[in-house]
PDB file of N, CA and C in Angstrom:
ATOM      1  N   MET A   1     112.874 119.386 114.630  1.00  0.00           N
ATOM      2  CA  MET A   1     111.519 119.210 115.114  1.00  0.00           C
ATOM      3  C   MET A   1     111.220 117.711 115.192  1.00  0.00           C
ATOM      4  N   THR A   2     110.697 117.276 116.304  1.00  0.00           N
ATOM      5  CA  THR A   2     110.329 115.868 116.456  1.00  0.00           C
ATOM      6  C   THR A   2     108.945 115.634 115.851  1.00  0.00           C
ATOM      7  N   LEU A   3     108.602 114.382 115.695  1.00  0.00           N
ATOM      8  CA  LEU A   3     107.279 114.039 115.197  1.00  0.00           C
ATOM      9  C   LEU A   3     106.196 114.531 116.154  1.00  0.00           C
ATOM     10  N   LYS A   4     106.448 114.405 117.438  1.00  0.00           N
ATOM     11  CA  LYS A   4     105.503 114.900 118.448  1.00  0.00           C
ATOM     12  C   LYS A   4     105.327 116.418 118.318  1.00  0.00           C
ATOM     13  N   GLU A   5     106.418 117.127 118.108  1.00  0.00           N
ATOM     14  CA  GLU A   5     106.344 118.581 117.936  1.00  0.00           C
ATOM     15  C   GLU A   5     105.595 118.945 116.653  1.00  0.00           C
ATOM     16  N   LEU A   6     105.819 118.167 115.597  1.00  0.00           N
ATOM     17  CA  LEU A   6     105.111 118.409 114.342  1.00  0.00           C
ATOM     18  C   LEU A   6     103.610 118.204 114.536  1.00  0.00           C
ATOM     19  N   GLN A   7     103.237 117.151 115.252  1.00  0.00           N
ATOM     20  CA  GLN A   7     101.821 116.933 115.516  1.00  0.00           C
ATOM     21  C   GLN A   7     101.219 118.099 116.282  1.00  0.00           C
ATOM     22  N   GLU A   8     101.917 118.574 117.272  1.00  0.00           N
ATOM     23  CA  GLU A   8     101.416 119.694 118.068  1.00  0.00           C
ATOM     24  C   GLU A   8     101.324 120.960 117.221  1.00  0.00           C
ATOM     25  N   TYR A   9     102.323 121.211 116.396  1.00  0.00           N
ATOM     26  CA  TYR A   9     102.341 122.381 115.519  1.00  0.00           C
ATOM     27  C   TYR A   9     101.111 122.378 114.611  1.00  0.00           C
ATOM     28  N   ILE A  10     100.852 121.245 113.958  1.00  0.00           N
ATOM     29  CA  ILE A  10      99.713 121.158 113.044  1.00  0.00           C
ATOM     30  C   ILE A  10      98.401 121.202 113.822  1.00  0.00           C
ATOM     31  N   ARG A  11      98.343 120.551 114.969  1.00  0.00           N
ATOM     32  CA  ARG A  11      97.125 120.576 115.796  1.00  0.00           C
ATOM     33  C   ARG A  11      96.759 122.006 116.190  1.00  0.00           C
ATOM     34  N   ASN A  12      97.746 122.806 116.539  1.00  0.00           N
ATOM     35  CA  ASN A  12      97.499 124.188 116.958  1.00  0.00           C
ATOM     36  C   ASN A  12      97.024 125.073 115.811  1.00  0.00           C
ATOM     37  N   ARG A  13      97.300 124.704 114.594  1.00  0.00           N
ATOM     38  CA  ARG A  13      96.958 125.542 113.453  1.00  0.00           C
ATOM     39  C   ARG A  13      95.798 125.007 112.630  1.00  0.00           C
ATOM     40  N   ASP A  14      95.536 123.711 112.741  1.00  0.00           N
ATOM     41  CA  ASP A  14      94.547 123.103 111.845  1.00  0.00           C
ATOM     42  C   ASP A  14      93.953 121.865 112.506  1.00  0.00           C
ATOM     43  N   TYR A  15      92.965 122.076 113.338  1.00  0.00           N
ATOM     44  CA  TYR A  15      92.294 120.960 114.011  1.00  0.00           C
ATOM     45  C   TYR A  15      90.795 121.151 113.833  1.00  0.00           C
ATOM     46  N   ARG A  16      90.243 120.482 112.829  1.00  0.00           N
ATOM     47  CA  ARG A  16      88.827 120.635 112.500  1.00  0.00           C
ATOM     48  C   ARG A  16      88.205 119.252 112.328  1.00  0.00           C
ATOM     49  N   PRO A  17      87.794 118.624 113.418  1.00  0.00           N
ATOM     50  CA  PRO A  17      87.236 117.266 113.350  1.00  0.00           C
ATOM     51  C   PRO A  17      86.109 117.109 112.337  1.00  0.00           C
ATOM     52  N   GLU A  18      85.341 118.162 112.136  1.00  0.00           N
ATOM     53  CA  GLU A  18      84.226 118.086 111.184  1.00  0.00           C
ATOM     54  C   GLU A  18      84.711 117.944 109.735  1.00  0.00           C
ATOM     55  N   LEU A  19      86.002 118.162 109.509  1.00  0.00           N
ATOM     56  CA  LEU A  19      86.569 118.064 108.157  1.00  0.00           C
ATOM     57  C   LEU A  19      87.383 116.792 107.936  1.00  0.00           C
ATOM     58  N   GLU A  20      87.219 115.807 108.800  1.00  0.00           N
ATOM     59  CA  GLU A  20      88.036 114.596 108.675  1.00  0.00           C
ATOM     60  C   GLU A  20      87.948 113.985 107.281  1.00  0.00           C
ATOM     61  N   HIS A  21      86.750 113.876 106.739  1.00  0.00           N
ATOM     62  CA  HIS A  21      86.603 113.293 105.400  1.00  0.00           C
ATOM     63  C   HIS A  21      87.320 114.157 104.349  1.00  0.00           C
ATOM     64  N   ALA A  22      87.227 115.466 104.491  1.00  0.00           N
ATOM     65  CA  ALA A  22      87.905 116.371 103.555  1.00  0.00           C
ATOM     66  C   ALA A  22      89.412 116.232 103.670  1.00  0.00           C
ATOM     67  N   TYR A  23      89.931 116.073 104.911  1.00  0.00           N
ATOM     68  CA  TYR A  23      91.369 115.863 105.089  1.00  0.00           C
ATOM     69  C   TYR A  23      91.803 114.584 104.382  1.00  0.00           C
ATOM     70  N   PHE A  24      90.992 113.538 104.497  1.00  0.00           N
ATOM     71  CA  PHE A  24      91.341 112.283 103.835  1.00  0.00           C
ATOM     72  C   PHE A  24      91.325 112.460 102.317  1.00  0.00           C
ATOM     73  N   GLN A  25      90.335 113.171 101.812  1.00  0.00           N
ATOM     74  CA  GLN A  25      90.296 113.422 100.369  1.00  0.00           C
ATOM     75  C   GLN A  25      91.515 114.223  99.919  1.00  0.00           C
ATOM     76  N   LYS A  26      91.934 115.205 100.728  1.00  0.00           N
ATOM     77  CA  LYS A  26      93.137 115.969 100.398  1.00  0.00           C
ATOM     78  C   LYS A  26      94.375 115.081 100.401  1.00  0.00           C
ATOM     79  N   LEU A  27      94.443 114.146 101.349  1.00  0.00           N
ATOM     80  CA  LEU A  27      95.572 113.212 101.383  1.00  0.00           C
ATOM     81  C   LEU A  27      95.640 112.426 100.080  1.00  0.00           C
ATOM     82  N   ILE A  28      94.509 111.918  99.642  1.00  0.00           N
ATOM     83  CA  ILE A  28      94.470 111.157  98.385  1.00  0.00           C
ATOM     84  C   ILE A  28      94.915 112.035  97.214  1.00  0.00           C
ATOM     85  N   GLU A  29      94.431 113.266  97.186  1.00  0.00           N
ATOM     86  CA  GLU A  29      94.807 114.214  96.130  1.00  0.00           C
ATOM     87  C   GLU A  29      96.317 114.461  96.140  1.00  0.00           C
ATOM     88  N   GLU A  30      96.866 114.671  97.334  1.00  0.00           N
ATOM     89  CA  GLU A  30      98.297 114.959  97.441  1.00  0.00           C
ATOM     90  C   GLU A  30      99.153 113.748  97.061  1.00  0.00           C
ATOM     91  N   VAL A  31      98.683 112.541  97.370  1.00  0.00           N
ATOM     92  CA  VAL A  31      99.413 111.334  96.950  1.00  0.00           C
ATOM     93  C   VAL A  31      99.438 111.263  95.424  1.00  0.00           C
ATOM     94  N   GLY A  32      98.335 111.628  94.788  1.00  0.00           N
ATOM     95  CA  GLY A  32      98.304 111.671  93.323  1.00  0.00           C
ATOM     96  C   GLY A  32      99.293 112.687  92.765  1.00  0.00           C
ATOM     97  N   GLU A  33      99.345 113.855  93.391  1.00  0.00           N
ATOM     98  CA  GLU A  33     100.292 114.884  92.945  1.00  0.00           C
ATOM     99  C   GLU A  33     101.730 114.434  93.187  1.00  0.00           C
ATOM    100  N   LEU A  34     101.970 113.737  94.292  1.00  0.00           N
ATOM    101  CA  LEU A  34     103.304 113.202  94.562  1.00  0.00           C
ATOM    102  C   LEU A  34     103.689 112.199  93.486  1.00  0.00           C
ATOM    103  N   SER A  35     102.751 111.353  93.109  1.00  0.00           N
ATOM    104  CA  SER A  35     103.008 110.366  92.053  1.00  0.00           C
ATOM    105  C   SER A  35     103.445 111.049  90.762  1.00  0.00           C
ATOM    106  N   GLU A  36     102.773 112.132  90.426  1.00  0.00           N
ATOM    107  CA  GLU A  36     103.096 112.851  89.190  1.00  0.00           C
ATOM    108  C   GLU A  36     104.493 113.458  89.228  1.00  0.00           C
ATOM    109  N   VAL A  37     104.852 114.134  90.337  1.00  0.00           N
ATOM    110  CA  VAL A  37     106.167 114.762  90.389  1.00  0.00           C
ATOM    111  C   VAL A  37     107.282 113.722  90.515  1.00  0.00           C
ATOM    112  N   LEU A  38     106.980 112.582  91.149  1.00  0.00           N
ATOM    113  CA  LEU A  38     107.969 111.501  91.194  1.00  0.00           C
ATOM    114  C   LEU A  38     108.230 110.973  89.789  1.00  0.00           C
ATOM    115  N   ARG A  39     107.154 110.780  89.034  1.00  0.00           N
ATOM    116  CA  ARG A  39     107.290 110.282  87.661  1.00  0.00           C
ATOM    117  C   ARG A  39     108.106 111.250  86.815  1.00  0.00           C
ATOM    118  N   LYS A  40     107.894 112.537  87.032  1.00  0.00           N
ATOM    119  CA  LYS A  40     108.611 113.559  86.266  1.00  0.00           C
ATOM    120  C   LYS A  40     109.980 113.884  86.843  1.00  0.00           C
ATOM    121  N   GLY A  41     110.246 113.414  88.073  1.00  0.00           N
ATOM    122  CA  GLY A  41     111.538 113.682  88.705  1.00  0.00           C
ATOM    123  C   GLY A  41     111.758 115.149  89.034  1.00  0.00           C
ATOM    124  N   LYS A  42     110.676 115.868  89.353  1.00  0.00           N
ATOM    125  CA  LYS A  42     110.777 117.310  89.622  1.00  0.00           C
ATOM    126  C   LYS A  42     111.278 117.545  91.031  1.00  0.00           C
ATOM    127  N   ARG A  43     112.491 118.083  91.137  1.00  0.00           N
ATOM    128  CA  ARG A  43     113.132 118.341  92.426  1.00  0.00           C
ATOM    129  C   ARG A  43     113.302 119.830  92.655  1.00  0.00           C
ATOM    130  N   MET A  44     113.397 120.190  93.916  1.00  0.00           N
ATOM    131  CA  MET A  44     113.642 121.569  94.309  1.00  0.00           C
ATOM    132  C   MET A  44     115.118 121.884  94.041  1.00  0.00           C
ATOM    133  N   GLU A  45     115.376 122.953  93.313  1.00  0.00           N
ATOM    134  CA  GLU A  45     116.754 123.339  93.013  1.00  0.00           C
ATOM    135  C   GLU A  45     117.278 124.341  94.028  1.00  0.00           C
ATOM    136  N   THR A  46     116.434 125.281  94.432  1.00  0.00           N
ATOM    137  CA  THR A  46     116.769 126.234  95.490  1.00  0.00           C
ATOM    138  C   THR A  46     115.547 126.350  96.388  1.00  0.00           C
ATOM    139  N   GLU A  47     115.709 126.947  97.557  1.00  0.00           N
ATOM    140  CA  GLU A  47     114.613 127.018  98.515  1.00  0.00           C
ATOM    141  C   GLU A  47     113.410 127.819  98.009  1.00  0.00           C
ATOM    142  N   ASP A  48     113.598 128.655  97.028  1.00  0.00           N
ATOM    143  CA  ASP A  48     112.464 129.418  96.503  1.00  0.00           C
ATOM    144  C   ASP A  48     111.808 128.736  95.304  1.00  0.00           C
ATOM    145  N   THR A  49     112.196 127.479  95.031  1.00  0.00           N
ATOM    146  CA  THR A  49     111.596 126.752  93.907  1.00  0.00           C
ATOM    147  C   THR A  49     110.943 125.443  94.368  1.00  0.00           C
ATOM    148  N   ILE A  50     110.314 125.435  95.531  1.00  0.00           N
ATOM    149  CA  ILE A  50     109.703 124.212  96.045  1.00  0.00           C
ATOM    150  C   ILE A  50     108.390 123.874  95.330  1.00  0.00           C
ATOM    151  N   LYS A  51     107.719 124.879  94.781  1.00  0.00           N
ATOM    152  CA  LYS A  51     106.415 124.667  94.149  1.00  0.00           C
ATOM    153  C   LYS A  51     106.502 123.622  93.036  1.00  0.00           C
ATOM    154  N   GLY A  52     105.603 122.625  93.109  1.00  0.00           N
ATOM    155  CA  GLY A  52     105.523 121.609  92.063  1.00  0.00           C
ATOM    156  C   GLY A  52     106.639 120.585  92.105  1.00  0.00           C
ATOM    157  N   THR A  53     107.221 120.359  93.294  1.00  0.00           N
ATOM    158  CA  THR A  53     108.352 119.437  93.400  1.00  0.00           C
ATOM    159  C   THR A  53     108.032 118.249  94.308  1.00  0.00           C
ATOM    160  N   ILE A  54     108.892 117.277  94.279  1.00  0.00           N
ATOM    161  CA  ILE A  54     108.794 116.129  95.176  1.00  0.00           C
ATOM    162  C   ILE A  54     108.791 116.609  96.621  1.00  0.00           C
ATOM    163  N   GLU A  55     109.653 117.558  96.933  1.00  0.00           N
ATOM    164  CA  GLU A  55     109.742 118.086  98.294  1.00  0.00           C
ATOM    165  C   GLU A  55     108.411 118.668  98.760  1.00  0.00           C
ATOM    166  N   GLU A  56     107.772 119.449  97.907  1.00  0.00           N
ATOM    167  CA  GLU A  56     106.487 120.062  98.270  1.00  0.00           C
ATOM    168  C   GLU A  56     105.416 119.004  98.486  1.00  0.00           C
ATOM    169  N   GLU A  57     105.339 118.061  97.569  1.00  0.00           N
ATOM    170  CA  GLU A  57     104.267 117.061  97.661  1.00  0.00           C
ATOM    171  C   GLU A  57     104.485 116.097  98.823  1.00  0.00           C
ATOM    172  N   LEU A  58     105.738 115.772  99.136  1.00  0.00           N
ATOM    173  CA  LEU A  58     105.989 114.945 100.326  1.00  0.00           C
ATOM    174  C   LEU A  58     105.538 115.673 101.587  1.00  0.00           C
ATOM    175  N   TYR A  59     105.797 116.966 101.656  1.00  0.00           N
ATOM    176  CA  TYR A  59     105.322 117.749 102.794  1.00  0.00           C
ATOM    177  C   TYR A  59     103.798 117.706 102.877  1.00  0.00           C
ATOM    178  N   ASP A  60     103.138 117.910 101.744  1.00  0.00           N
ATOM    179  CA  ASP A  60     101.674 117.922 101.745  1.00  0.00           C
ATOM    180  C   ASP A  60     101.103 116.584 102.222  1.00  0.00           C
ATOM    181  N   VAL A  61     101.685 115.478 101.760  1.00  0.00           N
ATOM    182  CA  VAL A  61     101.242 114.155 102.208  1.00  0.00           C
ATOM    183  C   VAL A  61     101.467 114.015 103.711  1.00  0.00           C
ATOM    184  N   LEU A  62     102.645 114.394 104.173  1.00  0.00           N
ATOM    185  CA  LEU A  62     102.955 114.323 105.603  1.00  0.00           C
ATOM    186  C   LEU A  62     101.969 115.164 106.410  1.00  0.00           C
ATOM    187  N   TYR A  63     101.673 116.358 105.934  1.00  0.00           N
ATOM    188  CA  TYR A  63     100.754 117.257 106.630  1.00  0.00           C
ATOM    189  C   TYR A  63      99.408 116.588 106.867  1.00  0.00           C
ATOM    190  N   TYR A  64      98.833 116.001 105.826  1.00  0.00           N
ATOM    191  CA  TYR A  64      97.506 115.409 105.970  1.00  0.00           C
ATOM    192  C   TYR A  64      97.533 114.102 106.752  1.00  0.00           C
ATOM    193  N   VAL A  65      98.614 113.356 106.695  1.00  0.00           N
ATOM    194  CA  VAL A  65      98.760 112.178 107.560  1.00  0.00           C
ATOM    195  C   VAL A  65      98.756 112.624 109.013  1.00  0.00           C
ATOM    196  N   VAL A  66      99.515 113.655 109.322  1.00  0.00           N
ATOM    197  CA  VAL A  66      99.584 114.161 110.695  1.00  0.00           C
ATOM    198  C   VAL A  66      98.237 114.733 111.124  1.00  0.00           C
ATOM    199  N   ALA A  67      97.584 115.481 110.258  1.00  0.00           N
ATOM    200  CA  ALA A  67      96.278 116.052 110.596  1.00  0.00           C
ATOM    201  C   ALA A  67      95.267 114.952 110.907  1.00  0.00           C
ATOM    202  N   LEU A  68      95.269 113.892 110.118  1.00  0.00           N
ATOM    203  CA  LEU A  68      94.360 112.766 110.369  1.00  0.00           C
ATOM    204  C   LEU A  68      94.718 112.045 111.661  1.00  0.00           C
ATOM    205  N   ALA A  69      95.990 111.897 111.932  1.00  0.00           N
ATOM    206  CA  ALA A  69      96.415 111.296 113.207  1.00  0.00           C
ATOM    207  C   ALA A  69      95.901 112.131 114.372  1.00  0.00           C
ATOM    208  N   ASN A  70      96.015 113.440 114.261  1.00  0.00           N
ATOM    209  CA  ASN A  70      95.537 114.326 115.320  1.00  0.00           C
ATOM    210  C   ASN A  70      94.037 114.173 115.549  1.00  0.00           C
ATOM    211  N   LEU A  71      93.280 114.129 114.473  1.00  0.00           N
ATOM    212  CA  LEU A  71      91.825 114.019 114.608  1.00  0.00           C
ATOM    213  C   LEU A  71      91.409 112.700 115.251  1.00  0.00           C
ATOM    214  N   ASN A  72      92.260 111.691 115.118  1.00  0.00           N
ATOM    215  CA  ASN A  72      91.944 110.375 115.672  1.00  0.00           C
ATOM    216  C   ASN A  72      92.735 110.062 116.935  1.00  0.00           C
ATOM    217  N   ASP A  73      93.341 111.082 117.528  1.00  0.00           N
ATOM    218  CA  ASP A  73      94.114 110.937 118.762  1.00  0.00           C
ATOM    219  C   ASP A  73      95.168 109.834 118.672  1.00  0.00           C
ATOM    220  N   VAL A  74      95.885 109.823 117.555  1.00  0.00           N
ATOM    221  CA  VAL A  74      96.961 108.861 117.336  1.00  0.00           C
ATOM    222  C   VAL A  74      98.290 109.541 117.605  1.00  0.00           C
ATOM    223  N   ASP A  75      99.057 108.977 118.518  1.00  0.00           N
ATOM    224  CA  ASP A  75     100.412 109.447 118.802  1.00  0.00           C
ATOM    225  C   ASP A  75     101.329 108.763 117.791  1.00  0.00           C
ATOM    226  N   LEU A  76     101.768 109.510 116.783  1.00  0.00           N
ATOM    227  CA  LEU A  76     102.555 108.908 115.708  1.00  0.00           C
ATOM    228  C   LEU A  76     103.915 108.408 116.179  1.00  0.00           C
ATOM    229  N   GLU A  77     104.528 109.067 117.166  1.00  0.00           N
ATOM    230  CA  GLU A  77     105.808 108.564 117.688  1.00  0.00           C
ATOM    231  C   GLU A  77     105.605 107.197 118.338  1.00  0.00           C
ATOM    232  N   LYS A  78     104.572 107.073 119.141  1.00  0.00           N
ATOM    233  CA  LYS A  78     104.284 105.797 119.788  1.00  0.00           C
ATOM    234  C   LYS A  78     103.959 104.731 118.738  1.00  0.00           C
ATOM    235  N   SER A  79     103.146 105.091 117.759  1.00  0.00           N
ATOM    236  CA  SER A  79     102.803 104.154 116.688  1.00  0.00           C
ATOM    237  C   SER A  79     104.047 103.697 115.932  1.00  0.00           C
ATOM    238  N   PHE A  80     104.949 104.647 115.680  1.00  0.00           N
ATOM    239  CA  PHE A  80     106.200 104.306 115.005  1.00  0.00           C
ATOM    240  C   PHE A  80     106.962 103.238 115.779  1.00  0.00           C
ATOM    241  N   HIS A  81     107.148 103.457 117.076  1.00  0.00           N
ATOM    242  CA  HIS A  81     107.921 102.517 117.887  1.00  0.00           C
ATOM    243  C   HIS A  81     107.241 101.151 117.975  1.00  0.00           C
ATOM    244  N   LEU A  82     105.929 101.140 118.138  1.00  0.00           N
ATOM    245  CA  LEU A  82     105.200  99.870 118.212  1.00  0.00           C
ATOM    246  C   LEU A  82     105.290  99.106 116.887  1.00  0.00           C
ATOM    247  N   LYS A  83     105.081  99.795 115.795  1.00  0.00           N
ATOM    248  CA  LYS A  83     105.125  99.142 114.479  1.00  0.00           C
ATOM    249  C   LYS A  83     106.546  98.730 114.115  1.00  0.00           C
ATOM    250  N   GLU A  84     107.527  99.537 114.470  1.00  0.00           N
ATOM    251  CA  GLU A  84     108.920  99.194 114.179  1.00  0.00           C
ATOM    252  C   GLU A  84     109.333  97.928 114.925  1.00  0.00           C
ATOM    253  N   ALA A  85     108.845  97.752 116.154  1.00  0.00           N
ATOM    254  CA  ALA A  85     109.142  96.530 116.916  1.00  0.00           C
ATOM    255  C   ALA A  85     108.562  95.312 116.205  1.00  0.00           C
ATOM    256  N   ILE A  86     107.361  95.452 115.679  1.00  0.00           N
ATOM    257  CA  ILE A  86     106.753  94.351 114.913  1.00  0.00           C
ATOM    258  C   ILE A  86     107.579  94.060 113.671  1.00  0.00           C
ATOM    259  N   ASN A  87     107.982  95.106 112.955  1.00  0.00           N
ATOM    260  CA  ASN A  87     108.772  94.924 111.738  1.00  0.00           C
ATOM    261  C   ASN A  87     110.129  94.299 112.025  1.00  0.00           C
ATOM    262  N   GLN A  88     110.751  94.690 113.129  1.00  0.00           N
ATOM    263  CA  GLN A  88     112.044  94.104 113.482  1.00  0.00           C
ATOM    264  C   GLN A  88     111.896  92.605 113.713  1.00  0.00           C
ATOM    265  N   HIS A  89     110.850  92.222 114.393  1.00  0.00           N
ATOM    266  CA  HIS A  89     110.616  90.788 114.642  1.00  0.00           C
ATOM    267  C   HIS A  89     110.267  90.067 113.336  1.00  0.00           C
ATOM    268  N   LYS A  90     109.384  90.671 112.565  1.00  0.00           N
ATOM    269  CA  LYS A  90     108.894  90.050 111.335  1.00  0.00           C
ATOM    270  C   LYS A  90     109.991  89.934 110.264  1.00  0.00           C
ATOM    271  N   TYR A  91     110.792  90.990 110.117  1.00  0.00           N
ATOM    272  CA  TYR A  91     111.770  91.020 109.039  1.00  0.00           C
ATOM    273  C   TYR A  91     113.210  90.878 109.518  1.00  0.00           C
ATOM    274  N   GLY A  92     113.403  90.739 110.830  1.00  0.00           N
ATOM    275  CA  GLY A  92     114.742  90.551 111.367  1.00  0.00           C
ATOM    276  C   GLY A  92     115.667  91.726 111.138  1.00  0.00           C
ATOM    277  N   ARG A  93     115.128  92.910 111.169  1.00  0.00           N
ATOM    278  CA  ARG A  93     115.992  94.083 110.962  1.00  0.00           C
ATOM    279  C   ARG A  93     116.181  94.849 112.221  1.00  0.00           C
TER     280      ARG A  93
END
């Protein structure tokens, strides 16, 4: 799945502009949960044990980043390429 496809997938299932502030609050909450599982080193051992793991929390953070991008009409693939060009120039990578 490409980033563009992921944006479309989430847009089709969860596009509620009136909840933008709530989406941002959820993003902050999920970053906190990610911090906790990173500190504890909790990893998914099998596909049925994703709950409470780094894998789950990274997905949750990604989900809300994408949802916020959708609400603000941000093309994340385009943003990636534009920002990467700046970083390549700035950091010589």
